Amino acid sequence: IETELARGSMDRVEMRDPAKRYHIMTIAEVEK
């Protein structure tokens, strides 16, 4: 489980960019 989570995680450099960590979604969109 943790290895797959690692594969699907942004790296620390990507996470420093506010544009890359800002995605407003409705609850319905998140549930999709």
PDB file of all heavy atoms in Angstrom:
ATOM      1  N   ILE A   1       0.834  -1.204   0.000  1.00  0.00           N
ATOM      2  CA  ILE A   1       0.000   0.000   0.000  1.00  0.00           C
ATOM      3  C   ILE A   1       0.870   1.257   0.000  1.00  0.00           C
ATOM      4  O   ILE A   1       0.650   2.193  -0.784  1.00  0.00           O
ATOM      5  CB  ILE A   1      -0.955  -0.007   1.209  1.00  0.00           C
ATOM      6  CG1 ILE A   1      -2.046  -1.071   1.010  1.00  0.00           C
ATOM      7  CG2 ILE A   1      -1.589   1.375   1.407  1.00  0.00           C
ATOM      8  CD1 ILE A   1      -2.971  -1.240   2.205  1.00  0.00           C
ATOM      9  N   GLU A   2       1.870   1.300   0.865  1.00  0.00           N
ATOM     10  CA  GLU A   2       2.691   2.513   0.968  1.00  0.00           C
ATOM     11  C   GLU A   2       3.539   2.720  -0.277  1.00  0.00           C
ATOM     12  O   GLU A   2       3.773   3.871  -0.687  1.00  0.00           O
ATOM     13  CB  GLU A   2       3.555   2.461   2.228  1.00  0.00           C
ATOM     14  CG  GLU A   2       2.732   2.548   3.509  1.00  0.00           C
ATOM     15  CD  GLU A   2       3.576   2.775   4.758  1.00  0.00           C
ATOM     16  OE1 GLU A   2       4.818   2.703   4.666  1.00  0.00           O
ATOM     17  OE2 GLU A   2       2.991   3.034   5.824  1.00  0.00           O
ATOM     18  N   THR A   3       3.985   1.656  -0.910  1.00  0.00           N
ATOM     19  CA  THR A   3       4.756   1.797  -2.149  1.00  0.00           C
ATOM     20  C   THR A   3       3.891   2.390  -3.249  1.00  0.00           C
ATOM     21  O   THR A   3       4.340   3.273  -4.005  1.00  0.00           O
ATOM     22  CB  THR A   3       5.328   0.437  -2.591  1.00  0.00           C
ATOM     23  OG1 THR A   3       6.178  -0.077  -1.560  1.00  0.00           O
ATOM     24  CG2 THR A   3       6.135   0.583  -3.875  1.00  0.00           C
ATOM     25  N   GLU A   4       2.648   1.927  -3.351  1.00  0.00           N
ATOM     26  CA  GLU A   4       1.745   2.496  -4.353  1.00  0.00           C
ATOM     27  C   GLU A   4       1.423   3.953  -4.036  1.00  0.00           C
ATOM     28  O   GLU A   4       1.332   4.792  -4.943  1.00  0.00           O
ATOM     29  CB  GLU A   4       0.459   1.670  -4.436  1.00  0.00           C
ATOM     30  CG  GLU A   4       0.664   0.285  -5.022  1.00  0.00           C
ATOM     31  CD  GLU A   4       1.324   0.322  -6.389  1.00  0.00           C
ATOM     32  OE1 GLU A   4       0.879   1.098  -7.258  1.00  0.00           O
ATOM     33  OE2 GLU A   4       2.306  -0.419  -6.582  1.00  0.00           O
ATOM     34  N   LEU A   5       1.244   4.276  -2.755  1.00  0.00           N
ATOM     35  CA  LEU A   5       1.017   5.674  -2.389  1.00  0.00           C
ATOM     36  C   LEU A   5       2.213   6.538  -2.769  1.00  0.00           C
ATOM     37  O   LEU A   5       2.054   7.681  -3.222  1.00  0.00           O
ATOM     38  CB  LEU A   5       0.762   5.794  -0.881  1.00  0.00           C
ATOM     39  CG  LEU A   5      -0.549   5.210  -0.343  1.00  0.00           C
ATOM     40  CD1 LEU A   5      -0.642   5.428   1.164  1.00  0.00           C
ATOM     41  CD2 LEU A   5      -1.755   5.834  -1.035  1.00  0.00           C
ATOM     42  N   ALA A   6       3.416   5.997  -2.593  1.00  0.00           N
ATOM     43  CA  ALA A   6       4.621   6.734  -2.977  1.00  0.00           C
ATOM     44  C   ALA A   6       4.632   7.005  -4.479  1.00  0.00           C
ATOM     45  O   ALA A   6       4.975   8.107  -4.931  1.00  0.00           O
ATOM     46  CB  ALA A   6       5.865   5.955  -2.563  1.00  0.00           C
ATOM     47  N   ARG A   7       4.250   6.003  -5.262  1.00  0.00           N
ATOM     48  CA  ARG A   7       4.213   6.183  -6.722  1.00  0.00           C
ATOM     49  C   ARG A   7       3.231   7.287  -7.106  1.00  0.00           C
ATOM     50  O   ARG A   7       3.440   8.008  -8.086  1.00  0.00           O
ATOM     51  CB  ARG A   7       3.798   4.887  -7.408  1.00  0.00           C
ATOM     52  CG  ARG A   7       4.775   3.739  -7.292  1.00  0.00           C
ATOM     53  CD  ARG A   7       4.313   2.565  -8.153  1.00  0.00           C
ATOM     54  NE  ARG A   7       4.844   1.306  -7.675  1.00  0.00           N
ATOM     55  CZ  ARG A   7       6.076   0.881  -7.905  1.00  0.00           C
ATOM     56  NH1 ARG A   7       6.885   1.633  -8.616  1.00  0.00           N
ATOM     57  NH2 ARG A   7       6.495  -0.280  -7.426  1.00  0.00           N
ATOM     58  N   GLY A   8       2.154   7.391  -6.373  1.00  0.00           N
ATOM     59  CA  GLY A   8       1.119   8.365  -6.718  1.00  0.00           C
ATOM     60  C   GLY A   8       1.274   9.718  -6.053  1.00  0.00           C
ATOM     61  O   GLY A   8       0.400  10.579  -6.194  1.00  0.00           O
ATOM     62  N   SER A   9       2.375   9.925  -5.339  1.00  0.00           N
ATOM     63  CA  SER A   9       2.589  11.181  -4.626  1.00  0.00           C
ATOM     64  C   SER A   9       3.486  12.119  -5.423  1.00  0.00           C
ATOM     65  O   SER A   9       4.442  11.685  -6.073  1.00  0.00           O
ATOM     66  CB  SER A   9       3.236  10.915  -3.259  1.00  0.00           C
ATOM     67  OG  SER A   9       2.399  10.130  -2.437  1.00  0.00           O
ATOM     68  N   MET A  10       3.189  13.400  -5.351  1.00  0.00           N
ATOM     69  CA  MET A  10       4.101  14.390  -5.919  1.00  0.00           C
ATOM     70  C   MET A  10       5.377  14.415  -5.092  1.00  0.00           C
ATOM     71  O   MET A  10       5.344  14.186  -3.879  1.00  0.00           O
ATOM     72  CB  MET A  10       3.464  15.781  -5.905  1.00  0.00           C
ATOM     73  CG  MET A  10       2.327  15.956  -6.881  1.00  0.00           C
ATOM     74  SD  MET A  10       1.895  17.708  -7.111  1.00  0.00           S
ATOM     75  CE  MET A  10       1.192  18.101  -5.515  1.00  0.00           C
ATOM     76  N   ASP A  11       6.504  14.717  -5.739  1.00  0.00           N
ATOM     77  CA  ASP A  11       7.731  14.821  -4.966  1.00  0.00           C
ATOM     78  C   ASP A  11       7.790  16.173  -4.258  1.00  0.00           C
ATOM     79  O   ASP A  11       6.953  17.053  -4.494  1.00  0.00           O
ATOM     80  CB  ASP A  11       8.962  14.566  -5.837  1.00  0.00           C
ATOM     81  CG  ASP A  11       9.188  15.636  -6.911  1.00  0.00           C
ATOM     82  OD1 ASP A  11       8.872  16.823  -6.683  1.00  0.00           O
ATOM     83  OD2 ASP A  11       9.696  15.282  -7.989  1.00  0.00           O
ATOM     84  N   ARG A  12       8.784  16.333  -3.404  1.00  0.00           N
ATOM     85  CA  ARG A  12       8.848  17.527  -2.566  1.00  0.00           C
ATOM     86  C   ARG A  12       9.089  18.809  -3.366  1.00  0.00           C
ATOM     87  O   ARG A  12       8.640  19.884  -2.957  1.00  0.00           O
ATOM     88  CB  ARG A  12       9.926  17.346  -1.499  1.00  0.00           C
ATOM     89  CG  ARG A  12       9.573  16.296  -0.466  1.00  0.00           C
ATOM     90  CD  ARG A  12      10.695  16.044   0.522  1.00  0.00           C
ATOM     91  NE  ARG A  12      10.356  14.936   1.409  1.00  0.00           N
ATOM     92  CZ  ARG A  12       9.727  15.076   2.574  1.00  0.00           C
ATOM     93  NH1 ARG A  12       9.396  16.280   2.995  1.00  0.00           N
ATOM     94  NH2 ARG A  12       9.445  14.023   3.324  1.00  0.00           N
ATOM     95  N   VAL A  13       9.796  18.713  -4.457  1.00  0.00           N
ATOM     96  CA  VAL A  13      10.019  19.902  -5.275  1.00  0.00           C
ATOM     97  C   VAL A  13       8.718  20.341  -5.936  1.00  0.00           C
ATOM     98  O   VAL A  13       8.382  21.531  -5.962  1.00  0.00           O
ATOM     99  CB  VAL A  13      11.112  19.638  -6.328  1.00  0.00           C
ATOM    100  CG1 VAL A  13      11.243  20.820  -7.285  1.00  0.00           C
ATOM    101  CG2 VAL A  13      12.455  19.373  -5.638  1.00  0.00           C
ATOM    102  N   GLU A  14       7.956  19.394  -6.468  1.00  0.00           N
ATOM    103  CA  GLU A  14       6.654  19.731  -7.059  1.00  0.00           C
ATOM    104  C   GLU A  14       5.733  20.375  -6.030  1.00  0.00           C
ATOM    105  O   GLU A  14       5.012  21.338  -6.329  1.00  0.00           O
ATOM    106  CB  GLU A  14       5.981  18.467  -7.604  1.00  0.00           C
ATOM    107  CG  GLU A  14       6.587  17.890  -8.855  1.00  0.00           C
ATOM    108  CD  GLU A  14       5.819  16.669  -9.316  1.00  0.00           C
ATOM    109  OE1 GLU A  14       5.906  15.615  -8.662  1.00  0.00           O
ATOM    110  OE2 GLU A  14       5.118  16.768 -10.338  1.00  0.00           O
ATOM    111  N   MET A  15       5.759  19.857  -4.803  1.00  0.00           N
ATOM    112  CA  MET A  15       4.866  20.366  -3.764  1.00  0.00           C
ATOM    113  C   MET A  15       5.203  21.802  -3.355  1.00  0.00           C
ATOM    114  O   MET A  15       4.394  22.476  -2.713  1.00  0.00           O
ATOM    115  CB  MET A  15       4.923  19.461  -2.532  1.00  0.00           C
ATOM    116  CG  MET A  15       4.209  18.129  -2.705  1.00  0.00           C
ATOM    117  SD  MET A  15       2.429  18.317  -2.923  1.00  0.00           S
ATOM    118  CE  MET A  15       1.957  18.873  -1.275  1.00  0.00           C
ATOM    119  N   ARG A  16       6.382  22.293  -3.732  1.00  0.00           N
ATOM    120  CA  ARG A  16       6.747  23.662  -3.392  1.00  0.00           C
ATOM    121  C   ARG A  16       6.029  24.679  -4.280  1.00  0.00           C
ATOM    122  O   ARG A  16       5.987  25.864  -3.957  1.00  0.00           O
ATOM    123  CB  ARG A  16       8.261  23.867  -3.515  1.00  0.00           C
ATOM    124  CG  ARG A  16       9.089  23.041  -2.536  1.00  0.00           C
ATOM    125  CD  ARG A  16      10.566  23.402  -2.601  1.00  0.00           C
ATOM    126  NE  ARG A  16      10.796  24.738  -2.062  1.00  0.00           N
ATOM    127  CZ  ARG A  16      11.133  25.782  -2.777  1.00  0.00           C
ATOM    128  NH1 ARG A  16      11.268  25.664  -4.102  1.00  0.00           N
ATOM    129  NH2 ARG A  16      11.324  26.958  -2.200  1.00  0.00           N
ATOM    130  N   ASP A  17       5.487  24.232  -5.398  1.00  0.00           N
ATOM    131  CA  ASP A  17       4.848  25.141  -6.354  1.00  0.00           C
ATOM    132  C   ASP A  17       3.366  25.275  -6.012  1.00  0.00           C
ATOM    133  O   ASP A  17       2.607  24.318  -6.145  1.00  0.00           O
ATOM    134  CB  ASP A  17       5.010  24.585  -7.770  1.00  0.00           C
ATOM    135  CG  ASP A  17       4.509  25.555  -8.832  1.00  0.00           C
ATOM    136  OD1 ASP A  17       3.818  26.530  -8.485  1.00  0.00           O
ATOM    137  OD2 ASP A  17       4.809  25.327 -10.023  1.00  0.00           O
ATOM    138  N   PRO A  18       2.914  26.471  -5.574  1.00  0.00           N
ATOM    139  CA  PRO A  18       1.499  26.610  -5.193  1.00  0.00           C
ATOM    140  C   PRO A  18       0.533  26.297  -6.328  1.00  0.00           C
ATOM    141  O   PRO A  18      -0.575  25.810  -6.074  1.00  0.00           O
ATOM    142  CB  PRO A  18       1.389  28.072  -4.733  1.00  0.00           C
ATOM    143  CG  PRO A  18       2.601  28.756  -5.257  1.00  0.00           C
ATOM    144  CD  PRO A  18       3.670  27.717  -5.360  1.00  0.00           C
ATOM    145  N   ALA A  19       0.937  26.539  -7.569  1.00  0.00           N
ATOM    146  CA  ALA A  19       0.034  26.257  -8.693  1.00  0.00           C
ATOM    147  C   ALA A  19      -0.211  24.765  -8.846  1.00  0.00           C
ATOM    148  O   ALA A  19      -1.296  24.348  -9.278  1.00  0.00           O
ATOM    149  CB  ALA A  19       0.624  26.828  -9.988  1.00  0.00           C
ATOM    150  N   LYS A  20       0.774  23.945  -8.481  1.00  0.00           N
ATOM    151  CA  LYS A  20       0.642  22.500  -8.640  1.00  0.00           C
ATOM    152  C   LYS A  20      -0.132  21.849  -7.500  1.00  0.00           C
ATOM    153  O   LYS A  20      -0.465  20.670  -7.589  1.00  0.00           O
ATOM    154  CB  LYS A  20       2.031  21.865  -8.764  1.00  0.00           C
ATOM    155  CG  LYS A  20       2.744  22.231 -10.061  1.00  0.00           C
ATOM    156  CD  LYS A  20       4.079  21.518 -10.178  1.00  0.00           C
ATOM    157  CE  LYS A  20       4.760  21.859 -11.509  1.00  0.00           C
ATOM    158  NZ  LYS A  20       6.067  21.180 -11.658  1.00  0.00           N
ATOM    159  N   ARG A  21      -0.386  22.593  -6.447  1.00  0.00           N
ATOM    160  CA  ARG A  21      -1.137  22.017  -5.331  1.00  0.00           C
ATOM    161  C   ARG A  21      -2.465  22.751  -5.094  1.00  0.00           C
ATOM    162  O   ARG A  21      -2.986  22.756  -3.988  1.00  0.00           O
ATOM    163  CB  ARG A  21      -0.281  22.010  -4.063  1.00  0.00           C
ATOM    164  CG  ARG A  21       0.233  23.348  -3.603  1.00  0.00           C
ATOM    165  CD  ARG A  21       0.999  23.228  -2.278  1.00  0.00           C
ATOM    166  NE  ARG A  21       1.258  24.542  -1.706  1.00  0.00           N
ATOM    167  CZ  ARG A  21       2.410  25.201  -1.794  1.00  0.00           C
ATOM    168  NH1 ARG A  21       3.433  24.640  -2.427  1.00  0.00           N
ATOM    169  NH2 ARG A  21       2.554  26.395  -1.239  1.00  0.00           N
ATOM    170  N   TYR A  22      -2.997  23.328  -6.159  1.00  0.00           N
ATOM    171  CA  TYR A  22      -4.270  24.049  -6.045  1.00  0.00           C
ATOM    172  C   TYR A  22      -5.218  23.578  -7.137  1.00  0.00           C
ATOM    173  O   TYR A  22      -5.067  23.910  -8.316  1.00  0.00           O
ATOM    174  CB  TYR A  22      -4.035  25.556  -6.170  1.00  0.00           C
ATOM    175  CG  TYR A  22      -5.252  26.409  -5.876  1.00  0.00           C
ATOM    176  CD1 TYR A  22      -5.656  26.644  -4.566  1.00  0.00           C
ATOM    177  CD2 TYR A  22      -5.984  26.989  -6.906  1.00  0.00           C
ATOM    178  CE1 TYR A  22      -6.760  27.442  -4.292  1.00  0.00           C
ATOM    179  CE2 TYR A  22      -7.090  27.786  -6.641  1.00  0.00           C
ATOM    180  CZ  TYR A  22      -7.467  28.004  -5.332  1.00  0.00           C
ATOM    181  OH  TYR A  22      -8.562  28.800  -5.056  1.00  0.00           O
ATOM    182  N   HIS A  23      -6.196  22.762  -6.741  1.00  0.00           N
ATOM    183  CA  HIS A  23      -7.195  22.246  -7.682  1.00  0.00           C
ATOM    184  C   HIS A  23      -8.544  22.223  -6.957  1.00  0.00           C
ATOM    185  O   HIS A  23      -8.823  21.292  -6.199  1.00  0.00           O
ATOM    186  CB  HIS A  23      -6.839  20.834  -8.161  1.00  0.00           C
ATOM    187  CG  HIS A  23      -5.426  20.689  -8.637  1.00  0.00           C
ATOM    188  ND1 HIS A  23      -4.385  20.344  -7.790  1.00  0.00           N
ATOM    189  CD2 HIS A  23      -4.882  20.861  -9.868  1.00  0.00           C
ATOM    190  CE1 HIS A  23      -3.258  20.296  -8.483  1.00  0.00           C
ATOM    191  NE2 HIS A  23      -3.523  20.604  -9.742  1.00  0.00           N
ATOM    192  N   ILE A  24      -9.361  23.219  -7.184  1.00  0.00           N
ATOM    193  CA  ILE A  24     -10.669  23.293  -6.536  1.00  0.00           C
ATOM    194  C   ILE A  24     -11.642  22.370  -7.265  1.00  0.00           C
ATOM    195  O   ILE A  24     -11.837  22.477  -8.482  1.00  0.00           O
ATOM    196  CB  ILE A  24     -11.211  24.734  -6.527  1.00  0.00           C
ATOM    197  CG1 ILE A  24     -10.236  25.663  -5.788  1.00  0.00           C
ATOM    198  CG2 ILE A  24     -12.587  24.767  -5.872  1.00  0.00           C
ATOM    199  CD1 ILE A  24     -10.046  25.324  -4.325  1.00  0.00           C
ATOM    200  N   MET A  25     -12.257  21.454  -6.506  1.00  0.00           N
ATOM    201  CA  MET A  25     -13.197  20.499  -7.084  1.00  0.00           C
ATOM    202  C   MET A  25     -14.439  20.420  -6.223  1.00  0.00           C
ATOM    203  O   MET A  25     -14.369  20.565  -4.995  1.00  0.00           O
ATOM    204  CB  MET A  25     -12.567  19.097  -7.165  1.00  0.00           C
ATOM    205  CG  MET A  25     -11.336  18.995  -8.036  1.00  0.00           C
ATOM    206  SD  MET A  25     -10.741  17.279  -8.097  1.00  0.00           S
ATOM    207  CE  MET A  25      -9.348  17.452  -9.213  1.00  0.00           C
ATOM    208  N   THR A  26     -15.552  20.160  -6.864  1.00  0.00           N
ATOM    209  CA  THR A  26     -16.763  19.883  -6.106  1.00  0.00           C
ATOM    210  C   THR A  26     -16.626  18.501  -5.475  1.00  0.00           C
ATOM    211  O   THR A  26     -15.804  17.682  -5.903  1.00  0.00           O
ATOM    212  CB  THR A  26     -18.002  19.899  -7.013  1.00  0.00           C
ATOM    213  OG1 THR A  26     -17.900  18.818  -7.959  1.00  0.00           O
ATOM    214  CG2 THR A  26     -18.110  21.230  -7.761  1.00  0.00           C
ATOM    215  N   ILE A  27     -17.447  18.242  -4.474  1.00  0.00           N
ATOM    216  CA  ILE A  27     -17.400  16.919  -3.830  1.00  0.00           C
ATOM    217  C   ILE A  27     -17.734  15.835  -4.841  1.00  0.00           C
ATOM    218  O   ILE A  27     -17.122  14.754  -4.842  1.00  0.00           O
ATOM    219  CB  ILE A  27     -18.363  16.865  -2.632  1.00  0.00           C
ATOM    220  CG1 ILE A  27     -18.043  17.992  -1.632  1.00  0.00           C
ATOM    221  CG2 ILE A  27     -18.296  15.504  -1.954  1.00  0.00           C
ATOM    222  CD1 ILE A  27     -16.615  18.005  -1.143  1.00  0.00           C
ATOM    223  N   ALA A  28     -18.664  16.117  -5.737  1.00  0.00           N
ATOM    224  CA  ALA A  28     -19.021  15.137  -6.767  1.00  0.00           C
ATOM    225  C   ALA A  28     -17.829  14.837  -7.665  1.00  0.00           C
ATOM    226  O   ALA A  28     -17.603  13.683  -8.055  1.00  0.00           O
ATOM    227  CB  ALA A  28     -20.194  15.653  -7.601  1.00  0.00           C
ATOM    228  N   GLU A  29     -17.046  15.869  -7.989  1.00  0.00           N
ATOM    229  CA  GLU A  29     -15.869  15.659  -8.836  1.00  0.00           C
ATOM    230  C   GLU A  29     -14.805  14.832  -8.116  1.00  0.00           C
ATOM    231  O   GLU A  29     -14.154  13.975  -8.720  1.00  0.00           O
ATOM    232  CB  GLU A  29     -15.292  17.008  -9.265  1.00  0.00           C
ATOM    233  CG  GLU A  29     -16.162  17.754 -10.266  1.00  0.00           C
ATOM    234  CD  GLU A  29     -15.682  19.165 -10.528  1.00  0.00           C
ATOM    235  OE1 GLU A  29     -15.056  19.766  -9.620  1.00  0.00           O
ATOM    236  OE2 GLU A  29     -15.928  19.678 -11.635  1.00  0.00           O
ATOM    237  N   VAL A  30     -14.655  15.071  -6.836  1.00  0.00           N
ATOM    238  CA  VAL A  30     -13.687  14.288  -6.064  1.00  0.00           C
ATOM    239  C   VAL A  30     -14.138  12.834  -5.982  1.00  0.00           C
ATOM    240  O   VAL A  30     -13.332  11.903  -6.087  1.00  0.00           O
ATOM    241  CB  VAL A  30     -13.495  14.876  -4.652  1.00  0.00           C
ATOM    242  CG1 VAL A  30     -12.470  14.054  -3.872  1.00  0.00           C
ATOM    243  CG2 VAL A  30     -13.043  16.323  -4.722  1.00  0.00           C
ATOM    244  N   GLU A  31     -15.435  12.630  -5.815  1.00  0.00           N
ATOM    245  CA  GLU A  31     -15.945  11.264  -5.709  1.00  0.00           C
ATOM    246  C   GLU A  31     -15.827  10.519  -7.038  1.00  0.00           C
ATOM    247  O   GLU A  31     -15.750   9.284  -7.046  1.00  0.00           O
ATOM    248  CB  GLU A  31     -17.384  11.282  -5.207  1.00  0.00           C
ATOM    249  CG  GLU A  31     -17.459  11.682  -3.724  1.00  0.00           C
ATOM    250  CD  GLU A  31     -18.861  11.612  -3.153  1.00  0.00           C
ATOM    251  OE1 GLU A  31     -19.823  11.796  -3.936  1.00  0.00           O
ATOM    252  OE2 GLU A  31     -18.994  11.404  -1.936  1.00  0.00           O
ATOM    253  N   LYS A  32     -15.785  11.252  -8.160  1.00  0.00           N
ATOM    254  CA  LYS A  32     -15.536  10.596  -9.446  1.00  0.00           C
ATOM    255  C   LYS A  32     -14.106  10.064  -9.508  1.00  0.00           C
ATOM    256  O   LYS A  32     -13.847   9.042 -10.150  1.00  0.00           O
ATOM    257  CB  LYS A  32     -15.776  11.579 -10.593  1.00  0.00           C
ATOM    258  CG  LYS A  32     -17.247  11.849 -10.882  1.00  0.00           C
ATOM    259  CD  LYS A  32     -17.410  12.772 -12.081  1.00  0.00           C
ATOM    260  CE  LYS A  32     -18.880  13.044 -12.361  1.00  0.00           C
ATOM    261  NZ  LYS A  32     -19.042  13.977 -13.528  1.00  0.00           N
TER     262      LYS A  32
END
